[in-house]
Amino acid sequence: MADPSAAVQSNCVWALGRLLPCDRQHPERERAIAAIMAALDHEDLGLQEDARAALRKLGDPQGLAILEKIDLEQGYCDLY
């Protein structure tokens, strides 16, 4: 995302998570998910959380795998 403002980026990530069609064949889906995943590395925690929420909502397998890896690295896991 080109805008330097974390708030603007956060709004964009949130919007992508809400508005991106669920159609996995949508031509812009891959590019949008790449932008959301890039936001996971931002220093702003709010932007990171919006990116996580967007990836969970979209259910993209690659995005979900990255979230699982991050959770494991940070020591979060679900024990059932």
PDB file of N, CA and C in Angstrom:
ATOM      1  N   MET A   1       0.833  -1.161   0.000  1.00  0.00           N
ATOM      2  CA  MET A   1       0.000   0.000   0.000  1.00  0.00           C
ATOM      3  C   MET A   1       0.882   1.230   0.000  1.00  0.00           C
ATOM      4  N   ALA A   2       0.539   2.158  -0.831  1.00  0.00           N
ATOM      5  CA  ALA A   2       1.405   3.305  -1.059  1.00  0.00           C
ATOM      6  C   ALA A   2       1.275   4.402  -0.014  1.00  0.00           C
ATOM      7  N   ASP A   3       0.150   4.537   0.630  1.00  0.00           N
ATOM      8  CA  ASP A   3      -0.026   5.620   1.590  1.00  0.00           C
ATOM      9  C   ASP A   3       0.794   5.341   2.848  1.00  0.00           C
ATOM     10  N   PRO A   4       1.557   6.323   3.323  1.00  0.00           N
ATOM     11  CA  PRO A   4       2.395   6.094   4.497  1.00  0.00           C
ATOM     12  C   PRO A   4       1.620   6.056   5.820  1.00  0.00           C
ATOM     13  N   SER A   5       0.398   6.508   5.828  1.00  0.00           N
ATOM     14  CA  SER A   5      -0.381   6.557   7.059  1.00  0.00           C
ATOM     15  C   SER A   5      -0.901   5.173   7.447  1.00  0.00           C
ATOM     16  N   ALA A   6      -0.574   4.750   8.661  1.00  0.00           N
ATOM     17  CA  ALA A   6      -1.048   3.450   9.146  1.00  0.00           C
ATOM     18  C   ALA A   6      -2.571   3.420   9.219  1.00  0.00           C
ATOM     19  N   ALA A   7      -3.187   4.553   9.554  1.00  0.00           N
ATOM     20  CA  ALA A   7      -4.646   4.604   9.647  1.00  0.00           C
ATOM     21  C   ALA A   7      -5.296   4.388   8.278  1.00  0.00           C
ATOM     22  N   VAL A   8      -4.727   4.994   7.253  1.00  0.00           N
ATOM     23  CA  VAL A   8      -5.265   4.816   5.903  1.00  0.00           C
ATOM     24  C   VAL A   8      -5.064   3.370   5.454  1.00  0.00           C
ATOM     25  N   GLN A   9      -3.875   2.839   5.700  1.00  0.00           N
ATOM     26  CA  GLN A   9      -3.607   1.446   5.334  1.00  0.00           C
ATOM     27  C   GLN A   9      -4.549   0.499   6.071  1.00  0.00           C
ATOM     28  N   SER A  10      -4.787   0.767   7.338  1.00  0.00           N
ATOM     29  CA  SER A  10      -5.678  -0.062   8.136  1.00  0.00           C
ATOM     30  C   SER A  10      -7.090  -0.048   7.560  1.00  0.00           C
ATOM     31  N   ASN A  11      -7.563   1.126   7.179  1.00  0.00           N
ATOM     32  CA  ASN A  11      -8.888   1.228   6.560  1.00  0.00           C
ATOM     33  C   ASN A  11      -8.951   0.463   5.245  1.00  0.00           C
ATOM     34  N   CYS A  12      -7.879   0.513   4.478  1.00  0.00           N
ATOM     35  CA  CYS A  12      -7.843  -0.208   3.199  1.00  0.00           C
ATOM     36  C   CYS A  12      -7.876  -1.724   3.418  1.00  0.00           C
ATOM     37  N   VAL A  13      -7.082  -2.190   4.374  1.00  0.00           N
ATOM     38  CA  VAL A  13      -7.045  -3.624   4.692  1.00  0.00           C
ATOM     39  C   VAL A  13      -8.422  -4.091   5.164  1.00  0.00           C
ATOM     40  N   TRP A  14      -9.022  -3.309   6.051  1.00  0.00           N
ATOM     41  CA  TRP A  14     -10.355  -3.650   6.551  1.00  0.00           C
ATOM     42  C   TRP A  14     -11.342  -3.729   5.396  1.00  0.00           C
ATOM     43  N   ALA A  15     -11.308  -2.734   4.498  1.00  0.00           N
ATOM     44  CA  ALA A  15     -12.227  -2.704   3.363  1.00  0.00           C
ATOM     45  C   ALA A  15     -12.001  -3.892   2.434  1.00  0.00           C
ATOM     46  N   LEU A  16     -10.758  -4.238   2.185  1.00  0.00           N
ATOM     47  CA  LEU A  16     -10.478  -5.401   1.329  1.00  0.00           C
ATOM     48  C   LEU A  16     -11.060  -6.667   1.950  1.00  0.00           C
ATOM     49  N   GLY A  17     -10.918  -6.794   3.246  1.00  0.00           N
ATOM     50  CA  GLY A  17     -11.463  -7.966   3.926  1.00  0.00           C
ATOM     51  C   GLY A  17     -12.973  -8.040   3.841  1.00  0.00           C
ATOM     52  N   ARG A  18     -13.631  -6.908   3.805  1.00  0.00           N
ATOM     53  CA  ARG A  18     -15.094  -6.860   3.739  1.00  0.00           C
ATOM     54  C   ARG A  18     -15.637  -6.928   2.322  1.00  0.00           C
ATOM     55  N   LEU A  19     -14.915  -6.343   1.371  1.00  0.00           N
ATOM     56  CA  LEU A  19     -15.475  -6.145   0.042  1.00  0.00           C
ATOM     57  C   LEU A  19     -14.944  -7.092  -1.036  1.00  0.00           C
ATOM     58  N   LEU A  20     -13.822  -7.728  -0.772  1.00  0.00           N
ATOM     59  CA  LEU A  20     -13.257  -8.620  -1.786  1.00  0.00           C
ATOM     60  C   LEU A  20     -14.190  -9.798  -2.016  1.00  0.00           C
ATOM     61  N   PRO A  21     -14.556 -10.047  -3.259  1.00  0.00           N
ATOM     62  CA  PRO A  21     -15.465 -11.173  -3.528  1.00  0.00           C
ATOM     63  C   PRO A  21     -14.877 -12.495  -3.046  1.00  0.00           C
ATOM     64  N   CYS A  22     -15.733 -13.358  -2.590  1.00  0.00           N
ATOM     65  CA  CYS A  22     -15.301 -14.673  -2.114  1.00  0.00           C
ATOM     66  C   CYS A  22     -14.854 -15.580  -3.254  1.00  0.00           C
ATOM     67  N   ASP A  23     -15.155 -15.175  -4.467  1.00  0.00           N
ATOM     68  CA  ASP A  23     -14.768 -15.942  -5.647  1.00  0.00           C
ATOM     69  C   ASP A  23     -13.240 -16.050  -5.711  1.00  0.00           C
ATOM     70  N   ARG A  24     -12.727 -17.240  -5.504  1.00  0.00           N
ATOM     71  CA  ARG A  24     -11.274 -17.434  -5.492  1.00  0.00           C
ATOM     72  C   ARG A  24     -10.639 -17.197  -6.858  1.00  0.00           C
ATOM     73  N   GLN A  25     -11.449 -17.102  -7.890  1.00  0.00           N
ATOM     74  CA  GLN A  25     -10.927 -16.873  -9.233  1.00  0.00           C
ATOM     75  C   GLN A  25     -10.956 -15.388  -9.618  1.00  0.00           C
ATOM     76  N   HIS A  26     -11.376 -14.527  -8.701  1.00  0.00           N
ATOM     77  CA  HIS A  26     -11.442 -13.097  -8.988  1.00  0.00           C
ATOM     78  C   HIS A  26     -10.049 -12.608  -9.387  1.00  0.00           C
ATOM     79  N   PRO A  27      -9.922 -11.846 -10.474  1.00  0.00           N
ATOM     80  CA  PRO A  27      -8.597 -11.466 -10.983  1.00  0.00           C
ATOM     81  C   PRO A  27      -7.753 -10.619 -10.024  1.00  0.00           C
ATOM     82  N   GLU A  28      -8.363  -9.871  -9.148  1.00  0.00           N
ATOM     83  CA  GLU A  28      -7.613  -9.017  -8.231  1.00  0.00           C
ATOM     84  C   GLU A  28      -7.403  -9.640  -6.856  1.00  0.00           C
ATOM     85  N   ARG A  29      -7.957 -10.810  -6.627  1.00  0.00           N
ATOM     86  CA  ARG A  29      -7.893 -11.428  -5.301  1.00  0.00           C
ATOM     87  C   ARG A  29      -6.455 -11.678  -4.839  1.00  0.00           C
ATOM     88  N   GLU A  30      -5.646 -12.239  -5.696  1.00  0.00           N
ATOM     89  CA  GLU A  30      -4.268 -12.572  -5.323  1.00  0.00           C
ATOM     90  C   GLU A  30      -3.489 -11.309  -4.944  1.00  0.00           C
ATOM     91  N   ARG A  31      -3.666 -10.253  -5.714  1.00  0.00           N
ATOM     92  CA  ARG A  31      -2.975  -8.997  -5.438  1.00  0.00           C
ATOM     93  C   ARG A  31      -3.456  -8.371  -4.124  1.00  0.00           C
ATOM     94  N   ALA A  32      -4.754  -8.432  -3.893  1.00  0.00           N
ATOM     95  CA  ALA A  32      -5.317  -7.876  -2.665  1.00  0.00           C
ATOM     96  C   ALA A  32      -4.823  -8.648  -1.441  1.00  0.00           C
ATOM     97  N   ILE A  33      -4.801  -9.961  -1.529  1.00  0.00           N
ATOM     98  CA  ILE A  33      -4.345 -10.771  -0.403  1.00  0.00           C
ATOM     99  C   ILE A  33      -2.857 -10.534  -0.143  1.00  0.00           C
ATOM    100  N   ALA A  34      -2.081 -10.347  -1.197  1.00  0.00           N
ATOM    101  CA  ALA A  34      -0.662 -10.028  -1.016  1.00  0.00           C
ATOM    102  C   ALA A  34      -0.494  -8.707  -0.263  1.00  0.00           C
ATOM    103  N   ALA A  35      -1.328  -7.729  -0.577  1.00  0.00           N
ATOM    104  CA  ALA A  35      -1.266  -6.436   0.122  1.00  0.00           C
ATOM    105  C   ALA A  35      -1.656  -6.598   1.590  1.00  0.00           C
ATOM    106  N   ILE A  36      -2.668  -7.408   1.848  1.00  0.00           N
ATOM    107  CA  ILE A  36      -3.085  -7.648   3.234  1.00  0.00           C
ATOM    108  C   ILE A  36      -1.971  -8.358   3.998  1.00  0.00           C
ATOM    109  N   MET A  37      -1.358  -9.350   3.379  1.00  0.00           N
ATOM    110  CA  MET A  37      -0.280 -10.081   4.053  1.00  0.00           C
ATOM    111  C   MET A  37       0.919  -9.177   4.318  1.00  0.00           C
ATOM    112  N   ALA A  38       1.195  -8.245   3.429  1.00  0.00           N
ATOM    113  CA  ALA A  38       2.302  -7.305   3.646  1.00  0.00           C
ATOM    114  C   ALA A  38       2.045  -6.447   4.882  1.00  0.00           C
ATOM    115  N   ALA A  39       0.780  -6.168   5.155  1.00  0.00           N
ATOM    116  CA  ALA A  39       0.429  -5.348   6.322  1.00  0.00           C
ATOM    117  C   ALA A  39       0.727  -6.065   7.636  1.00  0.00           C
ATOM    118  N   LEU A  40       0.878  -7.372   7.599  1.00  0.00           N
ATOM    119  CA  LEU A  40       1.206  -8.122   8.821  1.00  0.00           C
ATOM    120  C   LEU A  40       2.566  -7.732   9.389  1.00  0.00           C
ATOM    121  N   ASP A  41       3.445  -7.204   8.535  1.00  0.00           N
ATOM    122  CA  ASP A  41       4.800  -6.834   8.954  1.00  0.00           C
ATOM    123  C   ASP A  41       4.912  -5.378   9.390  1.00  0.00           C
ATOM    124  N   HIS A  42       3.822  -4.642   9.324  1.00  0.00           N
ATOM    125  CA  HIS A  42       3.873  -3.219   9.681  1.00  0.00           C
ATOM    126  C   HIS A  42       4.063  -3.053  11.185  1.00  0.00           C
ATOM    127  N   GLU A  43       4.706  -1.973  11.578  1.00  0.00           N
ATOM    128  CA  GLU A  43       4.953  -1.736  13.007  1.00  0.00           C
ATOM    129  C   GLU A  43       3.689  -1.361  13.777  1.00  0.00           C
ATOM    130  N   ASP A  44       2.654  -0.888  13.094  1.00  0.00           N
ATOM    131  CA  ASP A  44       1.417  -0.488  13.755  1.00  0.00           C
ATOM    132  C   ASP A  44       0.585  -1.727  14.110  1.00  0.00           C
ATOM    133  N   LEU A  45       0.342  -1.921  15.400  1.00  0.00           N
ATOM    134  CA  LEU A  45      -0.368  -3.118  15.854  1.00  0.00           C
ATOM    135  C   LEU A  45      -1.828  -3.141  15.394  1.00  0.00           C
ATOM    136  N   GLY A  46      -2.456  -1.977  15.290  1.00  0.00           N
ATOM    137  CA  GLY A  46      -3.830  -1.912  14.808  1.00  0.00           C
ATOM    138  C   GLY A  46      -3.933  -2.372  13.365  1.00  0.00           C
ATOM    139  N   LEU A  47      -2.973  -1.965  12.560  1.00  0.00           N
ATOM    140  CA  LEU A  47      -2.936  -2.395  11.157  1.00  0.00           C
ATOM    141  C   LEU A  47      -2.701  -3.900  11.074  1.00  0.00           C
ATOM    142  N   GLN A  48      -1.809  -4.403  11.905  1.00  0.00           N
ATOM    143  CA  GLN A  48      -1.564  -5.853  11.924  1.00  0.00           C
ATOM    144  C   GLN A  48      -2.839  -6.610  12.275  1.00  0.00           C
ATOM    145  N   GLU A  49      -3.560  -6.129  13.267  1.00  0.00           N
ATOM    146  CA  GLU A  49      -4.785  -6.811  13.694  1.00  0.00           C
ATOM    147  C   GLU A  49      -5.856  -6.756  12.607  1.00  0.00           C
ATOM    148  N   ASP A  50      -5.974  -5.619  11.930  1.00  0.00           N
ATOM    149  CA  ASP A  50      -6.933  -5.531  10.824  1.00  0.00           C
ATOM    150  C   ASP A  50      -6.552  -6.496   9.696  1.00  0.00           C
ATOM    151  N   ALA A  51      -5.261  -6.635   9.453  1.00  0.00           N
ATOM    152  CA  ALA A  51      -4.803  -7.570   8.424  1.00  0.00           C
ATOM    153  C   ALA A  51      -5.132  -9.013   8.820  1.00  0.00           C
ATOM    154  N   ARG A  52      -4.922  -9.346  10.072  1.00  0.00           N
ATOM    155  CA  ARG A  52      -5.259 -10.700  10.542  1.00  0.00           C
ATOM    156  C   ARG A  52      -6.754 -10.978  10.389  1.00  0.00           C
ATOM    157  N   ALA A  53      -7.561 -10.000  10.795  1.00  0.00           N
ATOM    158  CA  ALA A  53      -9.015 -10.170  10.703  1.00  0.00           C
ATOM    159  C   ALA A  53      -9.449 -10.327   9.246  1.00  0.00           C
ATOM    160  N   ALA A  54      -8.860  -9.550   8.360  1.00  0.00           N
ATOM    161  CA  ALA A  54      -9.214  -9.632   6.941  1.00  0.00           C
ATOM    162  C   ALA A  54      -8.843 -10.999   6.367  1.00  0.00           C
ATOM    163  N   LEU A  55      -7.664 -11.488   6.707  1.00  0.00           N
ATOM    164  CA  LEU A  55      -7.243 -12.800   6.199  1.00  0.00           C
ATOM    165  C   LEU A  55      -8.138 -13.912   6.737  1.00  0.00           C
ATOM    166  N   ARG A  56      -8.504 -13.817   8.000  1.00  0.00           N
ATOM    167  CA  ARG A  56      -9.408 -14.836   8.556  1.00  0.00           C
ATOM    168  C   ARG A  56     -10.759 -14.813   7.841  1.00  0.00           C
ATOM    169  N   LYS A  57     -11.288 -13.613   7.609  1.00  0.00           N
ATOM    170  CA  LYS A  57     -12.583 -13.492   6.966  1.00  0.00           C
ATOM    171  C   LYS A  57     -12.545 -14.035   5.535  1.00  0.00           C
ATOM    172  N   LEU A  58     -11.467 -13.751   4.827  1.00  0.00           N
ATOM    173  CA  LEU A  58     -11.364 -14.196   3.440  1.00  0.00           C
ATOM    174  C   LEU A  58     -11.111 -15.696   3.336  1.00  0.00           C
ATOM    175  N   GLY A  59     -10.532 -16.282   4.377  1.00  0.00           N
ATOM    176  CA  GLY A  59     -10.313 -17.726   4.383  1.00  0.00           C
ATOM    177  C   GLY A  59      -9.305 -18.211   3.368  1.00  0.00           C
ATOM    178  N   ASP A  60      -8.411 -17.346   2.953  1.00  0.00           N
ATOM    179  CA  ASP A  60      -7.396 -17.734   1.980  1.00  0.00           C
ATOM    180  C   ASP A  60      -6.432 -18.731   2.621  1.00  0.00           C
ATOM    181  N   PRO A  61      -6.240 -19.891   2.024  1.00  0.00           N
ATOM    182  CA  PRO A  61      -5.378 -20.919   2.640  1.00  0.00           C
ATOM    183  C   PRO A  61      -3.959 -20.432   2.920  1.00  0.00           C
ATOM    184  N   GLN A  62      -3.373 -19.704   1.998  1.00  0.00           N
ATOM    185  CA  GLN A  62      -2.012 -19.208   2.206  1.00  0.00           C
ATOM    186  C   GLN A  62      -1.992 -18.196   3.350  1.00  0.00           C
ATOM    187  N   GLY A  63      -2.957 -17.306   3.388  1.00  0.00           N
ATOM    188  CA  GLY A  63      -3.041 -16.327   4.464  1.00  0.00           C
ATOM    189  C   GLY A  63      -3.265 -16.977   5.813  1.00  0.00           C
ATOM    190  N   LEU A  64      -4.136 -17.977   5.860  1.00  0.00           N
ATOM    191  CA  LEU A  64      -4.396 -18.677   7.120  1.00  0.00           C
ATOM    192  C   LEU A  64      -3.165 -19.438   7.602  1.00  0.00           C
ATOM    193  N   ALA A  65      -2.407 -19.988   6.666  1.00  0.00           N
ATOM    194  CA  ALA A  65      -1.177 -20.696   7.038  1.00  0.00           C
ATOM    195  C   ALA A  65      -0.159 -19.726   7.635  1.00  0.00           C
ATOM    196  N   ILE A  66      -0.074 -18.537   7.079  1.00  0.00           N
ATOM    197  CA  ILE A  66       0.845 -17.532   7.611  1.00  0.00           C
ATOM    198  C   ILE A  66       0.406 -17.107   9.012  1.00  0.00           C
ATOM    199  N   LEU A  67      -0.897 -16.923   9.206  1.00  0.00           N
ATOM    200  CA  LEU A  67      -1.394 -16.559  10.534  1.00  0.00           C
ATOM    201  C   LEU A  67      -1.082 -17.645  11.556  1.00  0.00           C
ATOM    202  N   GLU A  68      -1.242 -18.889  11.153  1.00  0.00           N
ATOM    203  CA  GLU A  68      -0.931 -19.998  12.059  1.00  0.00           C
ATOM    204  C   GLU A  68       0.552 -19.999  12.419  1.00  0.00           C
ATOM    205  N   LYS A  69       1.398 -19.751  11.438  1.00  0.00           N
ATOM    206  CA  LYS A  69       2.835 -19.704  11.680  1.00  0.00           C
ATOM    207  C   LYS A  69       3.181 -18.567  12.637  1.00  0.00           C
ATOM    208  N   ILE A  70       2.582 -17.400  12.425  1.00  0.00           N
ATOM    209  CA  ILE A  70       2.828 -16.256  13.313  1.00  0.00           C
ATOM    210  C   ILE A  70       2.382 -16.580  14.732  1.00  0.00           C
ATOM    211  N   ASP A  71       1.204 -17.184  14.859  1.00  0.00           N
ATOM    212  CA  ASP A  71       0.699 -17.535  16.183  1.00  0.00           C
ATOM    213  C   ASP A  71       1.639 -18.509  16.897  1.00  0.00           C
ATOM    214  N   LEU A  72       2.141 -19.488  16.160  1.00  0.00           N
ATOM    215  CA  LEU A  72       3.064 -20.452  16.763  1.00  0.00           C
ATOM    216  C   LEU A  72       4.372 -19.788  17.174  1.00  0.00           C
ATOM    217  N   GLU A  73       4.881 -18.875  16.339  1.00  0.00           N
ATOM    218  CA  GLU A  73       6.122 -18.186  16.653  1.00  0.00           C
ATOM    219  C   GLU A  73       5.959 -17.282  17.873  1.00  0.00           C
ATOM    220  N   GLN A  74       4.756 -16.733  18.044  1.00  0.00           N
ATOM    221  CA  GLN A  74       4.524 -15.835  19.167  1.00  0.00           C
ATOM    222  C   GLN A  74       4.053 -16.592  20.411  1.00  0.00           C
ATOM    223  N   GLY A  75       3.928 -17.899  20.285  1.00  0.00           N
ATOM    224  CA  GLY A  75       3.567 -18.709  21.437  1.00  0.00           C
ATOM    225  C   GLY A  75       2.088 -18.868  21.671  1.00  0.00           C
ATOM    226  N   TYR A  76       1.268 -18.517  20.675  1.00  0.00           N
ATOM    227  CA  TYR A  76      -0.167 -18.697  20.802  1.00  0.00           C
ATOM    228  C   TYR A  76      -0.567 -20.005  20.144  1.00  0.00           C
ATOM    229  N   CYS A  77      -1.398 -20.740  20.845  1.00  0.00           N
ATOM    230  CA  CYS A  77      -1.933 -21.944  20.234  1.00  0.00           C
ATOM    231  C   CYS A  77      -3.235 -22.299  20.937  1.00  0.00           C
ATOM    232  N   ASP A  78      -4.059 -22.990  20.234  1.00  0.00           N
ATOM    233  CA  ASP A  78      -5.327 -23.466  20.810  1.00  0.00           C
ATOM    234  C   ASP A  78      -5.136 -24.897  21.273  1.00  0.00           C
ATOM    235  N   LEU A  79      -5.378 -25.118  22.536  1.00  0.00           N
ATOM    236  CA  LEU A  79      -5.289 -26.468  23.068  1.00  0.00           C
ATOM    237  C   LEU A  79      -6.697 -26.941  23.399  1.00  0.00           C
ATOM    238  N   TYR A  80      -7.119 -27.971  22.724  1.00  0.00           N
ATOM    239  CA  TYR A  80      -8.471 -28.506  22.961  1.00  0.00           C
ATOM    240  C   TYR A  80      -8.355 -29.893  23.529  1.00  0.00           C
TER     241      TYR A  80
END
